[in-house]
Structures are given as C-alpha cells and as structure tokens.
PDB file of N, CA and C in Angstrom:
ATOM      1  N   MET A   1     -86.189  36.312  92.173  1.00  0.00           N
ATOM      2  CA  MET A   1     -84.965  35.776  91.590  1.00  0.00           C
ATOM      3  C   MET A   1     -85.326  34.498  90.824  1.00  0.00           C
ATOM      4  N   THR A   2     -84.785  34.396  89.654  1.00  0.00           N
ATOM      5  CA  THR A   2     -85.087  33.223  88.849  1.00  0.00           C
ATOM      6  C   THR A   2     -84.317  32.019  89.368  1.00  0.00           C
ATOM      7  N   LEU A   3     -84.779  30.870  88.966  1.00  0.00           N
ATOM      8  CA  LEU A   3     -84.122  29.623  89.365  1.00  0.00           C
ATOM      9  C   LEU A   3     -82.682  29.586  88.858  1.00  0.00           C
ATOM     10  N   ILE A   4     -82.450  30.082  87.654  1.00  0.00           N
ATOM     11  CA  ILE A   4     -81.097  30.068  87.082  1.00  0.00           C
ATOM     12  C   ILE A   4     -80.170  30.955  87.905  1.00  0.00           C
ATOM     13  N   ARG A   5     -80.627  32.168  88.251  1.00  0.00           N
ATOM     14  CA  ARG A   5     -79.798  33.067  89.056  1.00  0.00           C
ATOM     15  C   ARG A   5     -79.535  32.484  90.435  1.00  0.00           C
ATOM     16  N   SER A   6     -80.547  31.889  91.016  1.00  0.00           N
ATOM     17  CA  SER A   6     -80.411  31.288  92.331  1.00  0.00           C
ATOM     18  C   SER A   6     -79.391  30.157  92.293  1.00  0.00           C
ATOM     19  N   THR A   7     -79.478  29.317  91.269  1.00  0.00           N
ATOM     20  CA  THR A   7     -78.542  28.200  91.110  1.00  0.00           C
ATOM     21  C   THR A   7     -77.128  28.724  90.885  1.00  0.00           C
ATOM     22  N   ALA A   8     -76.999  29.780  90.065  1.00  0.00           N
ATOM     23  CA  ALA A   8     -75.679  30.356  89.789  1.00  0.00           C
ATOM     24  C   ALA A   8     -75.070  30.925  91.061  1.00  0.00           C
ATOM     25  N   LYS A   9     -75.855  31.625  91.871  1.00  0.00           N
ATOM     26  CA  LYS A   9     -75.345  32.191  93.121  1.00  0.00           C
ATOM     27  C   LYS A   9     -74.934  31.088  94.089  1.00  0.00           C
ATOM     28  N   THR A  10     -75.705  30.007  94.141  1.00  0.00           N
ATOM     29  CA  THR A  10     -75.360  28.879  95.002  1.00  0.00           C
ATOM     30  C   THR A  10     -74.056  28.244  94.541  1.00  0.00           C
ATOM     31  N   PHE A  11     -73.911  28.035  93.238  1.00  0.00           N
ATOM     32  CA  PHE A  11     -72.695  27.449  92.682  1.00  0.00           C
ATOM     33  C   PHE A  11     -71.492  28.336  92.991  1.00  0.00           C
ATOM     34  N   GLU A  12     -71.651  29.654  92.816  1.00  0.00           N
ATOM     35  CA  GLU A  12     -70.563  30.592  93.087  1.00  0.00           C
ATOM     36  C   GLU A  12     -70.174  30.551  94.562  1.00  0.00           C
ATOM     37  N   ALA A  13     -71.136  30.483  95.452  1.00  0.00           N
ATOM     38  CA  ALA A  13     -70.857  30.421  96.891  1.00  0.00           C
ATOM     39  C   ALA A  13     -70.086  29.160  97.241  1.00  0.00           C
ATOM     40  N   VAL A  14     -70.484  28.032  96.669  1.00  0.00           N
ATOM     41  CA  VAL A  14     -69.795  26.766  96.931  1.00  0.00           C
ATOM     42  C   VAL A  14     -68.377  26.825  96.386  1.00  0.00           C
ATOM     43  N   ALA A  15     -68.209  27.372  95.190  1.00  0.00           N
ATOM     44  CA  ALA A  15     -66.877  27.473  94.578  1.00  0.00           C
ATOM     45  C   ALA A  15     -65.973  28.362  95.422  1.00  0.00           C
ATOM     46  N   ASN A  16     -66.506  29.461  95.929  1.00  0.00           N
ATOM     47  CA  ASN A  16     -65.707  30.367  96.753  1.00  0.00           C
ATOM     48  C   ASN A  16     -65.298  29.731  98.068  1.00  0.00           C
ATOM     49  N   GLU A  17     -66.158  28.908  98.645  1.00  0.00           N
ATOM     50  CA  GLU A  17     -65.818  28.217  99.889  1.00  0.00           C
ATOM     51  C   GLU A  17     -64.720  27.187  99.660  1.00  0.00           C
ATOM     52  N   ALA A  18     -64.720  26.549  98.502  1.00  0.00           N
ATOM     53  CA  ALA A  18     -63.740  25.514  98.197  1.00  0.00           C
ATOM     54  C   ALA A  18     -62.370  26.116  97.896  1.00  0.00           C
ATOM     55  N   ARG A  19     -62.338  27.364  97.447  1.00  0.00           N
ATOM     56  CA  ARG A  19     -61.088  28.019  97.092  1.00  0.00           C
ATOM     57  C   ARG A  19     -60.442  28.569  98.370  1.00  0.00           C
ATOM     58  N   PRO A  20     -59.201  28.169  98.673  1.00  0.00           N
ATOM     59  CA  PRO A  20     -58.562  28.687  99.887  1.00  0.00           C
ATOM     60  C   PRO A  20     -58.294  30.187  99.764  1.00  0.00           C
ATOM     61  N   LYS A  21     -58.481  30.885 100.875  1.00  0.00           N
ATOM     62  CA  LYS A  21     -58.242  32.326 100.893  1.00  0.00           C
ATOM     63  C   LYS A  21     -56.736  32.584 100.935  1.00  0.00           C
ATOM     64  N   PRO A  22     -56.258  33.523 100.122  1.00  0.00           N
ATOM     65  CA  PRO A  22     -54.821  33.843 100.161  1.00  0.00           C
ATOM     66  C   PRO A  22     -54.441  34.439 101.516  1.00  0.00           C
ATOM     67  N   GLN A  23     -53.254  34.103 101.973  1.00  0.00           N
ATOM     68  CA  GLN A  23     -52.768  34.567 103.267  1.00  0.00           C
ATOM     69  C   GLN A  23     -51.531  35.442 103.075  1.00  0.00           C
ATOM     70  N   PRO A  24     -51.340  36.428 103.965  1.00  0.00           N
ATOM     71  CA  PRO A  24     -50.128  37.248 103.880  1.00  0.00           C
ATOM     72  C   PRO A  24     -48.875  36.372 103.913  1.00  0.00           C
ATOM     73  N   GLY A  25     -47.938  36.721 103.065  1.00  0.00           N
ATOM     74  CA  GLY A  25     -46.683  35.974 103.009  1.00  0.00           C
ATOM     75  C   GLY A  25     -46.656  34.875 101.957  1.00  0.00           C
ATOM     76  N   GLN A  26     -47.820  34.479 101.465  1.00  0.00           N
ATOM     77  CA  GLN A  26     -47.830  33.468 100.404  1.00  0.00           C
ATOM     78  C   GLN A  26     -47.220  34.069  99.145  1.00  0.00           C
ATOM     79  N   PRO A  27     -46.505  33.267  98.364  1.00  0.00           N
ATOM     80  CA  PRO A  27     -45.923  33.802  97.129  1.00  0.00           C
ATOM     81  C   PRO A  27     -47.012  34.133  96.111  1.00  0.00           C
ATOM     82  N   LEU A  28     -46.745  35.147  95.305  1.00  0.00           N
ATOM     83  CA  LEU A  28     -47.667  35.511  94.233  1.00  0.00           C
ATOM     84  C   LEU A  28     -47.546  34.504  93.094  1.00  0.00           C
ATOM     85  N   THR A  29     -48.667  34.226  92.442  1.00  0.00           N
ATOM     86  CA  THR A  29     -48.640  33.386  91.254  1.00  0.00           C
ATOM     87  C   THR A  29     -48.045  34.197  90.098  1.00  0.00           C
ATOM     88  N   LYS A  30     -47.746  33.526  89.011  1.00  0.00           N
ATOM     89  CA  LYS A  30     -47.210  34.218  87.832  1.00  0.00           C
ATOM     90  C   LYS A  30     -48.195  35.295  87.366  1.00  0.00           C
ATOM     91  N   GLN A  31     -49.474  34.948  87.326  1.00  0.00           N
ATOM     92  CA  GLN A  31     -50.491  35.897  86.868  1.00  0.00           C
ATOM     93  C   GLN A  31     -50.603  37.083  87.822  1.00  0.00           C
ATOM     94  N   GLU A  32     -50.556  36.827  89.122  1.00  0.00           N
ATOM     95  CA  GLU A  32     -50.622  37.902  90.113  1.00  0.00           C
ATOM     96  C   GLU A  32     -49.406  38.816  89.994  1.00  0.00           C
ATOM     97  N   THR A  33     -48.241  38.242  89.719  1.00  0.00           N
ATOM     98  CA  THR A  33     -47.025  39.034  89.532  1.00  0.00           C
ATOM     99  C   THR A  33     -47.161  39.946  88.322  1.00  0.00           C
ATOM    100  N   LEU A  34     -47.740  39.422  87.237  1.00  0.00           N
ATOM    101  CA  LEU A  34     -47.958  40.245  86.045  1.00  0.00           C
ATOM    102  C   LEU A  34     -48.946  41.373  86.333  1.00  0.00           C
ATOM    103  N   VAL A  35     -50.006  41.063  87.067  1.00  0.00           N
ATOM    104  CA  VAL A  35     -50.994  42.080  87.429  1.00  0.00           C
ATOM    105  C   VAL A  35     -50.337  43.149  88.298  1.00  0.00           C
ATOM    106  N   LEU A  36     -49.525  42.743  89.267  1.00  0.00           N
ATOM    107  CA  LEU A  36     -48.843  43.703  90.130  1.00  0.00           C
ATOM    108  C   LEU A  36     -47.915  44.610  89.318  1.00  0.00           C
ATOM    109  N   ALA A  37     -47.229  44.049  88.348  1.00  0.00           N
ATOM    110  CA  ALA A  37     -46.347  44.861  87.504  1.00  0.00           C
ATOM    111  C   ALA A  37     -47.149  45.937  86.764  1.00  0.00           C
ATOM    112  N   GLU A  38     -48.329  45.581  86.303  1.00  0.00           N
ATOM    113  CA  GLU A  38     -49.180  46.562  85.611  1.00  0.00           C
ATOM    114  C   GLU A  38     -49.754  47.570  86.610  1.00  0.00           C
ATOM    115  N   MET A  39     -50.073  47.114  87.825  1.00  0.00           N
ATOM    116  CA  MET A  39     -50.524  48.028  88.873  1.00  0.00           C
ATOM    117  C   MET A  39     -49.436  49.057  89.157  1.00  0.00           C
ATOM    118  N   ASN A  40     -48.177  48.608  89.164  1.00  0.00           N
ATOM    119  CA  ASN A  40     -47.050  49.499  89.431  1.00  0.00           C
ATOM    120  C   ASN A  40     -46.910  50.579  88.367  1.00  0.00           C
ATOM    121  N   LYS A  41     -47.474  50.351  87.193  1.00  0.00           N
ATOM    122  CA  LYS A  41     -47.476  51.359  86.123  1.00  0.00           C
ATOM    123  C   LYS A  41     -48.633  52.340  86.281  1.00  0.00           C
ATOM    124  N   GLY A  42     -49.492  52.080  87.270  1.00  0.00           N
ATOM    125  CA  GLY A  42     -50.622  52.969  87.517  1.00  0.00           C
ATOM    126  C   GLY A  42     -51.848  52.676  86.675  1.00  0.00           C
ATOM    127  N   LEU A  43     -51.901  51.498  86.063  1.00  0.00           N
ATOM    128  CA  LEU A  43     -53.025  51.163  85.197  1.00  0.00           C
ATOM    129  C   LEU A  43     -54.256  50.759  85.996  1.00  0.00           C
ATOM    130  N   SER A  44     -55.415  51.066  85.452  1.00  0.00           N
ATOM    131  CA  SER A  44     -56.686  50.649  86.040  1.00  0.00           C
ATOM    132  C   SER A  44     -56.902  49.163  85.773  1.00  0.00           C
ATOM    133  N   ASN A  45     -57.870  48.577  86.473  1.00  0.00           N
ATOM    134  CA  ASN A  45     -58.190  47.159  86.237  1.00  0.00           C
ATOM    135  C   ASN A  45     -58.554  46.919  84.775  1.00  0.00           C
ATOM    136  N   LYS A  46     -59.324  47.840  84.208  1.00  0.00           N
ATOM    137  CA  LYS A  46     -59.751  47.683  82.817  1.00  0.00           C
ATOM    138  C   LYS A  46     -58.545  47.668  81.876  1.00  0.00           C
ATOM    139  N   LEU A  47     -57.607  48.608  82.080  1.00  0.00           N
ATOM    140  CA  LEU A  47     -56.420  48.658  81.217  1.00  0.00           C
ATOM    141  C   LEU A  47     -55.478  47.482  81.461  1.00  0.00           C
ATOM    142  N   ILE A  48     -55.397  47.032  82.709  1.00  0.00           N
ATOM    143  CA  ILE A  48     -54.593  45.832  82.998  1.00  0.00           C
ATOM    144  C   ILE A  48     -55.175  44.651  82.233  1.00  0.00           C
ATOM    145  N   GLY A  49     -56.496  44.546  82.236  1.00  0.00           N
ATOM    146  CA  GLY A  49     -57.156  43.478  81.493  1.00  0.00           C
ATOM    147  C   GLY A  49     -56.829  43.520  80.018  1.00  0.00           C
ATOM    148  N   VAL A  50     -56.837  44.718  79.447  1.00  0.00           N
ATOM    149  CA  VAL A  50     -56.504  44.873  78.022  1.00  0.00           C
ATOM    150  C   VAL A  50     -55.056  44.434  77.781  1.00  0.00           C
ATOM    151  N   GLU A  51     -54.154  44.899  78.644  1.00  0.00           N
ATOM    152  CA  GLU A  51     -52.726  44.572  78.476  1.00  0.00           C
ATOM    153  C   GLU A  51     -52.455  43.069  78.586  1.00  0.00           C
ATOM    154  N   LEU A  52     -53.147  42.411  79.507  1.00  0.00           N
ATOM    155  CA  LEU A  52     -52.864  40.993  79.773  1.00  0.00           C
ATOM    156  C   LEU A  52     -53.866  40.041  79.138  1.00  0.00           C
ATOM    157  N   GLY A  53     -54.858  40.582  78.445  1.00  0.00           N
ATOM    158  CA  GLY A  53     -55.861  39.727  77.802  1.00  0.00           C
ATOM    159  C   GLY A  53     -56.784  39.053  78.807  1.00  0.00           C
ATOM    160  N   LEU A  54     -57.121  39.777  79.878  1.00  0.00           N
ATOM    161  CA  LEU A  54     -57.991  39.237  80.929  1.00  0.00           C
ATOM    162  C   LEU A  54     -59.242  40.096  81.049  1.00  0.00           C
ATOM    163  N   SER A  55     -60.291  39.520  81.609  1.00  0.00           N
ATOM    164  CA  SER A  55     -61.487  40.316  81.869  1.00  0.00           C
ATOM    165  C   SER A  55     -61.220  41.222  83.069  1.00  0.00           C
ATOM    166  N   GLU A  56     -61.965  42.299  83.149  1.00  0.00           N
ATOM    167  CA  GLU A  56     -61.827  43.218  84.274  1.00  0.00           C
ATOM    168  C   GLU A  56     -62.136  42.496  85.590  1.00  0.00           C
ATOM    169  N   HIS A  57     -63.096  41.580  85.548  1.00  0.00           N
ATOM    170  CA  HIS A  57     -63.457  40.800  86.743  1.00  0.00           C
ATOM    171  C   HIS A  57     -62.281  39.940  87.200  1.00  0.00           C
ATOM    172  N   THR A  58     -61.598  39.302  86.261  1.00  0.00           N
ATOM    173  CA  THR A  58     -60.448  38.461  86.597  1.00  0.00           C
ATOM    174  C   THR A  58     -59.325  39.307  87.187  1.00  0.00           C
ATOM    175  N   VAL A  59     -59.101  40.481  86.610  1.00  0.00           N
ATOM    176  CA  VAL A  59     -58.076  41.385  87.140  1.00  0.00           C
ATOM    177  C   VAL A  59     -58.419  41.774  88.572  1.00  0.00           C
ATOM    178  N   LYS A  60     -59.678  42.103  88.812  1.00  0.00           N
ATOM    179  CA  LYS A  60     -60.123  42.489  90.156  1.00  0.00           C
ATOM    180  C   LYS A  60     -59.847  41.359  91.153  1.00  0.00           C
ATOM    181  N   PHE A  61     -60.097  40.125  90.733  1.00  0.00           N
ATOM    182  CA  PHE A  61     -59.826  38.948  91.561  1.00  0.00           C
ATOM    183  C   PHE A  61     -58.330  38.860  91.885  1.00  0.00           C
ATOM    184  N   HIS A  62     -57.484  39.052  90.859  1.00  0.00           N
ATOM    185  CA  HIS A  62     -56.032  38.984  91.074  1.00  0.00           C
ATOM    186  C   HIS A  62     -55.548  40.131  91.970  1.00  0.00           C
ATOM    187  N   VAL A  63     -56.094  41.327  91.784  1.00  0.00           N
ATOM    188  CA  VAL A  63     -55.707  42.466  92.626  1.00  0.00           C
ATOM    189  C   VAL A  63     -56.035  42.172  94.086  1.00  0.00           C
ATOM    190  N   ALA A  64     -57.206  41.607  94.333  1.00  0.00           N
ATOM    191  CA  ALA A  64     -57.594  41.250  95.705  1.00  0.00           C
ATOM    192  C   ALA A  64     -56.625  40.222  96.287  1.00  0.00           C
ATOM    193  N   ASN A  65     -56.231  39.238  95.497  1.00  0.00           N
ATOM    194  CA  ASN A  65     -55.277  38.221  95.965  1.00  0.00           C
ATOM    195  C   ASN A  65     -53.905  38.835  96.242  1.00  0.00           C
ATOM    196  N   VAL A  66     -53.464  39.727  95.362  1.00  0.00           N
ATOM    197  CA  VAL A  66     -52.178  40.402  95.552  1.00  0.00           C
ATOM    198  C   VAL A  66     -52.190  41.159  96.876  1.00  0.00           C
ATOM    199  N   CYS A  67     -53.246  41.927  97.095  1.00  0.00           N
ATOM    200  CA  CYS A  67     -53.353  42.702  98.341  1.00  0.00           C
ATOM    201  C   CYS A  67     -53.351  41.782  99.560  1.00  0.00           C
ATOM    202  N   ALA A  68     -54.097  40.698  99.499  1.00  0.00           N
ATOM    203  CA  ALA A  68     -54.155  39.763 100.624  1.00  0.00           C
ATOM    204  C   ALA A  68     -52.781  39.147 100.889  1.00  0.00           C
ATOM    205  N   LYS A  69     -52.105  38.716  99.850  1.00  0.00           N
ATOM    206  CA  LYS A  69     -50.801  38.068 100.013  1.00  0.00           C
ATOM    207  C   LYS A  69     -49.722  39.039 100.476  1.00  0.00           C
ATOM    208  N   LEU A  70     -49.855  40.311 100.109  1.00  0.00           N
ATOM    209  CA  LEU A  70     -48.890  41.317 100.558  1.00  0.00           C
ATOM    210  C   LEU A  70     -49.266  41.889 101.925  1.00  0.00           C
ATOM    211  N   GLY A  71     -50.454  41.528 102.412  1.00  0.00           N
ATOM    212  CA  GLY A  71     -50.897  41.999 103.721  1.00  0.00           C
ATOM    213  C   GLY A  71     -51.273  43.469 103.738  1.00  0.00           C
ATOM    214  N   VAL A  72     -51.846  43.945 102.636  1.00  0.00           N
ATOM    215  CA  VAL A  72     -52.246  45.351 102.536  1.00  0.00           C
ATOM    216  C   VAL A  72     -53.721  45.436 102.180  1.00  0.00           C
ATOM    217  N   SER A  73     -54.272  46.643 102.297  1.00  0.00           N
ATOM    218  CA  SER A  73     -55.706  46.831 102.055  1.00  0.00           C
ATOM    219  C   SER A  73     -56.027  47.465 100.709  1.00  0.00           C
ATOM    220  N   THR A  74     -55.079  48.198 100.135  1.00  0.00           N
ATOM    221  CA  THR A  74     -55.368  48.920  98.891  1.00  0.00           C
ATOM    222  C   THR A  74     -54.310  48.644  97.835  1.00  0.00           C
ATOM    223  N   ARG A  75     -54.660  48.925  96.601  1.00  0.00           N
ATOM    224  CA  ARG A  75     -53.716  48.736  95.497  1.00  0.00           C
ATOM    225  C   ARG A  75     -52.544  49.707  95.619  1.00  0.00           C
ATOM    226  N   ILE A  76     -52.770  50.896  96.184  1.00  0.00           N
ATOM    227  CA  ILE A  76     -51.678  51.853  96.383  1.00  0.00           C
ATOM    228  C   ILE A  76     -50.676  51.285  97.389  1.00  0.00           C
ATOM    229  N   GLU A  77     -51.188  50.691  98.468  1.00  0.00           N
ATOM    230  CA  GLU A  77     -50.300  50.069  99.451  1.00  0.00           C
ATOM    231  C   GLU A  77     -49.546  48.901  98.826  1.00  0.00           C
ATOM    232  N   ALA A  78     -50.210  48.142  97.954  1.00  0.00           N
ATOM    233  CA  ALA A  78     -49.552  47.011  97.285  1.00  0.00           C
ATOM    234  C   ALA A  78     -48.405  47.503  96.407  1.00  0.00           C
ATOM    235  N   THR A  79     -48.649  48.579  95.682  1.00  0.00           N
ATOM    236  CA  THR A  79     -47.613  49.151  94.818  1.00  0.00           C
ATOM    237  C   THR A  79     -46.448  49.675  95.659  1.00  0.00           C
ATOM    238  N   ALA A  80     -46.762  50.388  96.744  1.00  0.00           N
ATOM    239  CA  ALA A  80     -45.704  50.910  97.619  1.00  0.00           C
ATOM    240  C   ALA A  80     -44.881  49.772  98.207  1.00  0.00           C
ATOM    241  N   LYS A  81     -45.551  48.714  98.669  1.00  0.00           N
ATOM    242  CA  LYS A  81     -44.837  47.567  99.240  1.00  0.00           C
ATOM    243  C   LYS A  81     -43.966  46.904  98.184  1.00  0.00           C
ATOM    244  N   SER A  82     -44.483  46.798  96.979  1.00  0.00           N
ATOM    245  CA  SER A  82     -43.720  46.202  95.884  1.00  0.00           C
ATOM    246  C   SER A  82     -42.449  47.000  95.612  1.00  0.00           C
ATOM    247  N   PHE A  83     -42.580  48.325  95.534  1.00  0.00           N
ATOM    248  CA  PHE A  83     -41.409  49.172  95.303  1.00  0.00           C
ATOM    249  C   PHE A  83     -40.419  49.068  96.463  1.00  0.00           C
ATOM    250  N   ASN A  84     -40.920  49.098  97.701  1.00  0.00           N
ATOM    251  CA  ASN A  84     -40.043  48.995  98.869  1.00  0.00           C
ATOM    252  C   ASN A  84     -39.309  47.668  98.904  1.00  0.00           C
ATOM    253  N   ASP A  85     -39.995  46.590  98.544  1.00  0.00           N
ATOM    254  CA  ASP A  85     -39.356  45.268  98.505  1.00  0.00           C
ATOM    255  C   ASP A  85     -38.250  45.235  97.457  1.00  0.00           C
ATOM    256  N   GLU A  86     -38.494  45.855  96.303  1.00  0.00           N
ATOM    257  CA  GLU A  86     -37.477  45.884  95.245  1.00  0.00           C
ATOM    258  C   GLU A  86     -36.272  46.711  95.684  1.00  0.00           C
ATOM    259  N   ILE A  87     -36.522  47.835  96.362  1.00  0.00           N
ATOM    260  CA  ILE A  87     -35.429  48.667  96.862  1.00  0.00           C
ATOM    261  C   ILE A  87     -34.598  47.879  97.869  1.00  0.00           C
ATOM    262  N   ALA A  88     -35.256  47.146  98.751  1.00  0.00           N
ATOM    263  CA  ALA A  88     -34.538  46.336  99.742  1.00  0.00           C
ATOM    264  C   ALA A  88     -33.672  45.275  99.049  1.00  0.00           C
ATOM    265  N   LYS A  89     -34.202  44.645  97.994  1.00  0.00           N
ATOM    266  CA  LYS A  89     -33.416  43.646  97.255  1.00  0.00           C
ATOM    267  C   LYS A  89     -32.192  44.290  96.619  1.00  0.00           C
ATOM    268  N   LEU A  90     -32.387  45.478  96.034  1.00  0.00           N
ATOM    269  CA  LEU A  90     -31.268  46.171  95.400  1.00  0.00           C
ATOM    270  C   LEU A  90     -30.207  46.577  96.417  1.00  0.00           C
ATOM    271  N   ARG A  91     -30.634  47.033  97.596  1.00  0.00           N
ATOM    272  CA  ARG A  91     -29.679  47.387  98.645  1.00  0.00           C
ATOM    273  C   ARG A  91     -28.875  46.169  99.073  1.00  0.00           C
ATOM    274  N   GLY A  92     -29.552  45.038  99.192  1.00  0.00           N
ATOM    275  CA  GLY A  92     -28.854  43.802  99.547  1.00  0.00           C
ATOM    276  C   GLY A  92     -27.841  43.409  98.490  1.00  0.00           C
ATOM    277  N   GLU A  93     -28.213  43.560  97.236  1.00  0.00           N
ATOM    278  CA  GLU A  93     -27.303  43.230  96.134  1.00  0.00           C
ATOM    279  C   GLU A  93     -26.104  44.184  96.108  1.00  0.00           C
ATOM    280  N   ILE A  94     -26.348  45.460  96.370  1.00  0.00           N
ATOM    281  CA  ILE A  94     -25.255  46.439  96.424  1.00  0.00           C
ATOM    282  C   ILE A  94     -24.303  46.094  97.559  1.00  0.00           C
ATOM    283  N   ALA A  95     -24.837  45.750  98.710  1.00  0.00           N
ATOM    284  CA  ALA A  95     -23.991  45.389  99.854  1.00  0.00           C
ATOM    285  C   ALA A  95     -23.154  44.151  99.529  1.00  0.00           C
ATOM    286  N   ARG A  96     -23.762  43.182  98.864  1.00  0.00           N
ATOM    287  CA  ARG A  96     -23.037  41.960  98.486  1.00  0.00           C
ATOM    288  C   ARG A  96     -21.898  42.288  97.522  1.00  0.00           C
ATOM    289  N   LEU A  97     -22.193  43.132  96.535  1.00  0.00           N
ATOM    290  CA  LEU A  97     -21.160  43.505  95.555  1.00  0.00           C
ATOM    291  C   LEU A  97     -20.048  44.334  96.194  1.00  0.00           C
ATOM    292  N   ASP A  98     -20.417  45.237  97.115  1.00  0.00           N
ATOM    293  CA  ASP A  98     -19.406  46.015  97.828  1.00  0.00           C
ATOM    294  C   ASP A  98     -18.447  45.099  98.577  1.00  0.00           C
ATOM    295  N   LYS A  99     -19.001  44.096  99.261  1.00  0.00           N
ATOM    296  CA  LYS A  99     -18.172  43.158 100.010  1.00  0.00           C
ATOM    297  C   LYS A  99     -17.274  42.370  99.061  1.00  0.00           C
ATOM    298  N   GLU A 100     -17.820  41.975  97.932  1.00  0.00           N
ATOM    299  CA  GLU A 100     -17.037  41.228  96.950  1.00  0.00           C
ATOM    300  C   GLU A 100     -15.866  42.067  96.436  1.00  0.00           C
ATOM    301  N   ILE A 101     -16.108  43.343  96.192  1.00  0.00           N
ATOM    302  CA  ILE A 101     -15.042  44.240  95.727  1.00  0.00           C
ATOM    303  C   ILE A 101     -13.960  44.385  96.787  1.00  0.00           C
ATOM    304  N   VAL A 102     -14.376  44.579  98.036  1.00  0.00           N
ATOM    305  CA  VAL A 102     -13.409  44.712  99.134  1.00  0.00           C
ATOM    306  C   VAL A 102     -12.586  43.439  99.253  1.00  0.00           C
ATOM    307  N   ASP A 103     -13.233  42.287  99.187  1.00  0.00           N
ATOM    308  CA  ASP A 103     -12.517  41.007  99.268  1.00  0.00           C
ATOM    309  C   ASP A 103     -11.509  40.864  98.133  1.00  0.00           C
ATOM    310  N   LEU A 104     -11.905  41.235  96.926  1.00  0.00           N
ATOM    311  CA  LEU A 104     -10.981  41.148  95.778  1.00  0.00           C
ATOM    312  C   LEU A 104      -9.805  42.096  95.945  1.00  0.00           C
ATOM    313  N   MET A 105     -10.071  43.292  96.439  1.00  0.00           N
ATOM    314  CA  MET A 105      -8.997  44.258  96.641  1.00  0.00           C
ATOM    315  C   MET A 105      -8.018  43.767  97.706  1.00  0.00           C
ATOM    316  N   GLU A 106      -8.542  43.145  98.765  1.00  0.00           N
ATOM    317  CA  GLU A 106      -7.666  42.617  99.815  1.00  0.00           C
ATOM    318  C   GLU A 106      -6.832  41.456  99.294  1.00  0.00           C
ATOM    319  N   GLN A 107      -7.406  40.625  98.449  1.00  0.00           N
ATOM    320  CA  GLN A 107      -6.680  39.485  97.879  1.00  0.00           C
ATOM    321  C   GLN A 107      -5.523  39.973  96.997  1.00  0.00           C
ATOM    322  N   ARG A 108      -5.730  41.056  96.309  1.00  0.00           N
ATOM    323  CA  ARG A 108      -4.689  41.580  95.400  1.00  0.00           C
ATOM    324  C   ARG A 108      -3.818  42.609  96.085  1.00  0.00           C
ATOM    325  N   ALA A 109      -4.130  42.907  97.351  1.00  0.00           N
ATOM    326  CA  ALA A 109      -3.364  43.842  98.162  1.00  0.00           C
ATOM    327  C   ALA A 109      -3.208  45.197  97.455  1.00  0.00           C
ATOM    328  N   TRP A 110      -4.276  45.784  97.130  1.00  0.00           N
ATOM    329  CA  TRP A 110      -4.271  47.080  96.463  1.00  0.00           C
ATOM    330  C   TRP A 110      -3.955  48.081  97.467  1.00  0.00           C
TER     331      TRP A 110
END
C-alpha cells in the first residue's frame, strides 16, 4: 500500500469516527428525505444520483443513513415503512376531518 493510500484510509477512518452514527427515530435531513422519495420510485442509487445531482457513493451514504434512522435493514423495508407512515398520517387526517364535519353538523343541527 502506498503512503498516499495509507494516509487516505487513516483520514477516512478518523473522519468516520468523528461523524455521529444515525440512530433510529432521528429525523431525516432534507437530502435524506429527497433520497427516500427517489427510493420510493424504485430508482437505483445510480439513477437517484443522476436525478439529484449526487455521486453514487453519496447516495449510498444517504441510503444507509435513511435505513438507520428508520430502524430498518434494507431499502425495501425503508420504502415500505415510508409508505406505511404516510398511510398512517392520511388516516389521522381523515379522522380529524370526519370529526370536524360531525362537529359542524351538530352545531347547525342538521
């Protein structure tokens, strides 16, 4: 191994140690949210990179963070969790609107 490669690997190891590991439940960053949206379309890392103007390596990094923050092991699980979370939000919104309609109807004594 050359001195340059050895130095680069050492620098990368130090940088990785300094960067906190994402934990389940942490909010996604704006970039991670964009990557997840592209994952939900079924795009590969390479195509996500093209769409967002990122390198494939950077996309891979964001995908790993998304999975860690969502508490899943695979991109398929991340996509499924994302869809399930959106469905839960929509159900909550429907329930809120239903209650609002009932309240309005009671106020007007329909």
